[in-house]
Structures are given as structure tokens and as C-alpha cells.
Amino acid sequence: MNEIQAEPEPDSVAVVELKVEHTYLQLSRETRAEKWQMMQGIIRAHPGVSVTWNDADAFSGECSDFVICRFGSMFDYHCMWEELKDSELFTTPYFHITRVLIGMENAFEVYDEKIGIEV
């Protein structure tokens, strides 16, 4: 009997757009640094998710920050955001999520290979 090999799924990528609240901006820079360190601790506790934080407020009126997350497991990604949303960054609130874009990195290539098209 022929076994069908499961293709590894491509990494998923999420772009999470955030808006900073005035409550955060009113904090001293030292206090904001403490909040940043707390958030970094939450992110480090989820090694299955790679996170890049980007400032955008000087370049966009739509969002003040955006976060690029790369992950293999949607559940790992979900758990990280649940923990972040439970933190004071979102419960105070200091930030709120304005939009999320999720996709799979070059998923068409994996699909083409699966149906026998060499890419």
C-alpha cells in the first residue's frame, strides 16, 4: 500500500495593526519601558511565534504600530495573543487591535507541488 506523505504546511504570517491609546502615551518613558519588558516576557514564553514590532505612527494615520507574527501553529499564535490581551497592555487599555491580516507564506508553491507541478 502506498503511503501518502503529508506535506509540511507553510508558515502562517499575521500582520496585527494596533492603535496606541493616550493612556499609554501619558506614561513616563521609564514606565513604558517596564511595560515593554513585560510584553517581551509574554512573547518569549511562546517560542513557536516569531514577533517583529514596528512603529508606524509617524508614517500612517491608520495604525500606530503593527506586529508581524510568523508561526507554524495557529493555536500557538492564538495562545500568545490571549495572554497579551489578558495583560494590562490591553485591559487598561494602552493598545487596541484595529485589524489583522493572516496568510500562508507561499502556500501556492506547496499546493502546486502537491498536485505535481514543479515550482
C-alpha atoms as a PDB file:
ATOM      1  CA  MET A   1       0.000   0.000   0.000  1.00  0.00           C
ATOM      2  CA  ASN A   2       1.318   3.451  -0.933  1.00  0.00           C
ATOM      3  CA  GLU A   3       1.607   5.883   1.905  1.00  0.00           C
ATOM      4  CA  ILE A   4       0.780   9.478   1.223  1.00  0.00           C
ATOM      5  CA  GLN A   5       3.363  11.752   2.751  1.00  0.00           C
ATOM      6  CA  ALA A   6       1.886  14.770   4.432  1.00  0.00           C
ATOM      7  CA  GLU A   7       3.474  17.941   3.126  1.00  0.00           C
ATOM      8  CA  PRO A   8       4.679  20.289   5.830  1.00  0.00           C
ATOM      9  CA  GLU A   9       2.425  23.309   5.968  1.00  0.00           C
ATOM     10  CA  PRO A  10       3.949  26.634   5.056  1.00  0.00           C
ATOM     11  CA  ASP A  11       4.397  29.109   7.890  1.00  0.00           C
ATOM     12  CA  SER A  12       1.496  31.387   8.565  1.00  0.00           C
ATOM     13  CA  VAL A  13       2.046  35.105   8.831  1.00  0.00           C
ATOM     14  CA  ALA A  14      -0.163  37.605  10.647  1.00  0.00           C
ATOM     15  CA  VAL A  15       0.090  41.357  10.452  1.00  0.00           C
ATOM     16  CA  VAL A  16      -1.647  42.792  13.508  1.00  0.00           C
ATOM     17  CA  GLU A  17      -2.368  46.513  13.344  1.00  0.00           C
ATOM     18  CA  LEU A  18      -2.573  48.329  16.673  1.00  0.00           C
ATOM     19  CA  LYS A  19      -3.583  51.776  17.836  1.00  0.00           C
ATOM     20  CA  VAL A  20      -1.869  53.227  20.898  1.00  0.00           C
ATOM     21  CA  GLU A  21      -4.143  54.928  23.433  1.00  0.00           C
ATOM     22  CA  HIS A  22      -3.454  58.282  25.084  1.00  0.00           C
ATOM     23  CA  THR A  23      -3.338  56.440  28.435  1.00  0.00           C
ATOM     24  CA  TYR A  24      -0.110  54.780  27.296  1.00  0.00           C
ATOM     25  CA  LEU A  25       1.430  57.942  25.882  1.00  0.00           C
ATOM     26  CA  GLN A  26       0.786  59.726  29.185  1.00  0.00           C
ATOM     27  CA  LEU A  27       3.078  57.258  30.972  1.00  0.00           C
ATOM     28  CA  SER A  28       6.712  58.195  31.515  1.00  0.00           C
ATOM     29  CA  ARG A  29       9.204  56.636  29.134  1.00  0.00           C
ATOM     30  CA  GLU A  30      10.607  54.612  32.057  1.00  0.00           C
ATOM     31  CA  THR A  31       7.163  53.162  32.810  1.00  0.00           C
ATOM     32  CA  ARG A  32       6.618  52.400  29.120  1.00  0.00           C
ATOM     33  CA  ALA A  33       9.965  50.552  29.114  1.00  0.00           C
ATOM     34  CA  GLU A  34       8.701  48.406  32.014  1.00  0.00           C
ATOM     35  CA  LYS A  35       5.502  47.607  30.082  1.00  0.00           C
ATOM     36  CA  TRP A  36       7.625  46.726  27.020  1.00  0.00           C
ATOM     37  CA  GLN A  37       9.724  44.305  29.085  1.00  0.00           C
ATOM     38  CA  MET A  38       6.573  42.675  30.479  1.00  0.00           C
ATOM     39  CA  MET A  39       5.235  42.236  26.948  1.00  0.00           C
ATOM     40  CA  GLN A  40       8.552  40.809  25.742  1.00  0.00           C
ATOM     41  CA  GLY A  41       8.355  38.231  28.549  1.00  0.00           C
ATOM     42  CA  ILE A  42       4.945  37.092  27.281  1.00  0.00           C
ATOM     43  CA  ILE A  43       6.249  36.845  23.714  1.00  0.00           C
ATOM     44  CA  ARG A  44       9.348  34.871  24.803  1.00  0.00           C
ATOM     45  CA  ALA A  45       7.042  32.407  26.579  1.00  0.00           C
ATOM     46  CA  HIS A  46       5.687  31.465  23.116  1.00  0.00           C
ATOM     47  CA  PRO A  47       8.781  30.365  21.150  1.00  0.00           C
ATOM     48  CA  GLY A  48       6.644  28.945  18.329  1.00  0.00           C
ATOM     49  CA  VAL A  49       5.761  32.507  17.314  1.00  0.00           C
ATOM     50  CA  SER A  50       8.325  34.904  15.874  1.00  0.00           C
ATOM     51  CA  VAL A  51       7.344  38.526  16.527  1.00  0.00           C
ATOM     52  CA  THR A  52       8.580  41.756  14.998  1.00  0.00           C
ATOM     53  CA  TRP A  53       7.134  45.000  16.394  1.00  0.00           C
ATOM     54  CA  ASN A  54       7.047  48.009  14.074  1.00  0.00           C
ATOM     55  CA  ASP A  55       6.328  51.661  14.829  1.00  0.00           C
ATOM     56  CA  ALA A  56       4.037  53.256  12.271  1.00  0.00           C
ATOM     57  CA  ASP A  57       2.523  56.348  13.902  1.00  0.00           C
ATOM     58  CA  ALA A  58       4.870  58.729  12.100  1.00  0.00           C
ATOM     59  CA  PHE A  59       4.033  57.090   8.769  1.00  0.00           C
ATOM     60  CA  SER A  60       0.358  56.117   8.961  1.00  0.00           C
ATOM     61  CA  GLY A  61      -2.867  57.583  10.220  1.00  0.00           C
ATOM     62  CA  GLU A  62      -4.457  54.147  10.240  1.00  0.00           C
ATOM     63  CA  CYS A  63      -2.429  52.488  12.980  1.00  0.00           C
ATOM     64  CA  SER A  64       0.303  53.479  15.387  1.00  0.00           C
ATOM     65  CA  ASP A  65       2.091  50.118  15.384  1.00  0.00           C
ATOM     66  CA  PHE A  66       1.970  46.842  13.541  1.00  0.00           C
ATOM     67  CA  VAL A  67       3.241  43.461  14.599  1.00  0.00           C
ATOM     68  CA  ILE A  68       4.391  40.775  12.165  1.00  0.00           C
ATOM     69  CA  CYS A  69       3.990  37.261  13.563  1.00  0.00           C
ATOM     70  CA  ARG A  70       5.305  34.093  11.894  1.00  0.00           C
ATOM     71  CA  PHE A  71       4.116  30.744  13.202  1.00  0.00           C
ATOM     72  CA  GLY A  72       3.551  27.136  12.254  1.00  0.00           C
ATOM     73  CA  SER A  73       0.640  26.572  14.618  1.00  0.00           C
ATOM     74  CA  MET A  74      -2.424  28.794  14.653  1.00  0.00           C
ATOM     75  CA  PHE A  75      -3.042  27.665  18.234  1.00  0.00           C
ATOM     76  CA  ASP A  76       0.420  28.848  19.374  1.00  0.00           C
ATOM     77  CA  TYR A  77      -0.299  32.236  17.817  1.00  0.00           C
ATOM     78  CA  HIS A  78      -3.753  32.344  19.401  1.00  0.00           C
ATOM     79  CA  CYS A  79      -2.398  31.500  22.869  1.00  0.00           C
ATOM     80  CA  MET A  80       0.218  34.254  22.692  1.00  0.00           C
ATOM     81  CA  TRP A  81      -2.419  36.856  21.805  1.00  0.00           C
ATOM     82  CA  GLU A  82      -4.773  35.587  24.507  1.00  0.00           C
ATOM     83  CA  GLU A  83      -2.033  36.156  27.064  1.00  0.00           C
ATOM     84  CA  LEU A  84      -1.196  39.586  25.630  1.00  0.00           C
ATOM     85  CA  LYS A  85      -4.876  40.584  25.648  1.00  0.00           C
ATOM     86  CA  ASP A  86      -5.141  39.487  29.289  1.00  0.00           C
ATOM     87  CA  SER A  87      -2.227  41.780  30.185  1.00  0.00           C
ATOM     88  CA  GLU A  88      -2.612  45.407  31.192  1.00  0.00           C
ATOM     89  CA  LEU A  89      -1.492  46.471  27.712  1.00  0.00           C
ATOM     90  CA  PHE A  90      -4.998  45.665  26.507  1.00  0.00           C
ATOM     91  CA  THR A  91      -7.047  45.652  29.722  1.00  0.00           C
ATOM     92  CA  THR A  92      -6.107  49.203  30.800  1.00  0.00           C
ATOM     93  CA  PRO A  93      -6.272  49.737  27.719  1.00  0.00           C
ATOM     94  CA  TYR A  94      -2.996  51.022  26.365  1.00  0.00           C
ATOM     95  CA  PHE A  95      -3.455  49.467  22.906  1.00  0.00           C
ATOM     96  CA  HIS A  96      -6.273  48.039  20.865  1.00  0.00           C
ATOM     97  CA  ILE A  97      -6.192  45.860  17.762  1.00  0.00           C
ATOM     98  CA  THR A  98      -7.574  47.613  14.689  1.00  0.00           C
ATOM     99  CA  ARG A  99      -7.048  44.956  12.002  1.00  0.00           C
ATOM    100  CA  VAL A 100      -5.468  41.552  11.474  1.00  0.00           C
ATOM    101  CA  LEU A 101      -4.286  40.132   8.144  1.00  0.00           C
ATOM    102  CA  ILE A 102      -3.399  36.426   8.079  1.00  0.00           C
ATOM    103  CA  GLY A 103      -1.921  34.445   5.233  1.00  0.00           C
ATOM    104  CA  MET A 104       0.286  31.471   4.493  1.00  0.00           C
ATOM    105  CA  GLU A 105       3.762  32.140   3.175  1.00  0.00           C
ATOM    106  CA  ASN A 106       3.989  30.995  -0.472  1.00  0.00           C
ATOM    107  CA  ALA A 107       1.193  28.445   0.055  1.00  0.00           C
ATOM    108  CA  PHE A 108       0.609  28.268  -3.700  1.00  0.00           C
ATOM    109  CA  GLU A 109       4.029  26.604  -4.097  1.00  0.00           C
ATOM    110  CA  VAL A 110       3.144  23.856  -1.618  1.00  0.00           C
ATOM    111  CA  TYR A 111      -0.195  23.343  -3.355  1.00  0.00           C
ATOM    112  CA  ASP A 112       1.409  23.195  -6.810  1.00  0.00           C
ATOM    113  CA  GLU A 113       3.942  20.630  -5.595  1.00  0.00           C
ATOM    114  CA  LYS A 114       1.139  18.609  -4.006  1.00  0.00           C
ATOM    115  CA  ILE A 115      -0.673  18.373  -7.357  1.00  0.00           C
ATOM    116  CA  GLY A 116       2.519  17.565  -9.229  1.00  0.00           C
ATOM    117  CA  ILE A 117       3.558  20.906 -10.626  1.00  0.00           C
ATOM    118  CA  GLU A 118       7.229  21.635 -10.111  1.00  0.00           C
ATOM    119  CA  VAL A 119       7.923  25.150  -8.906  1.00  0.00           C
END
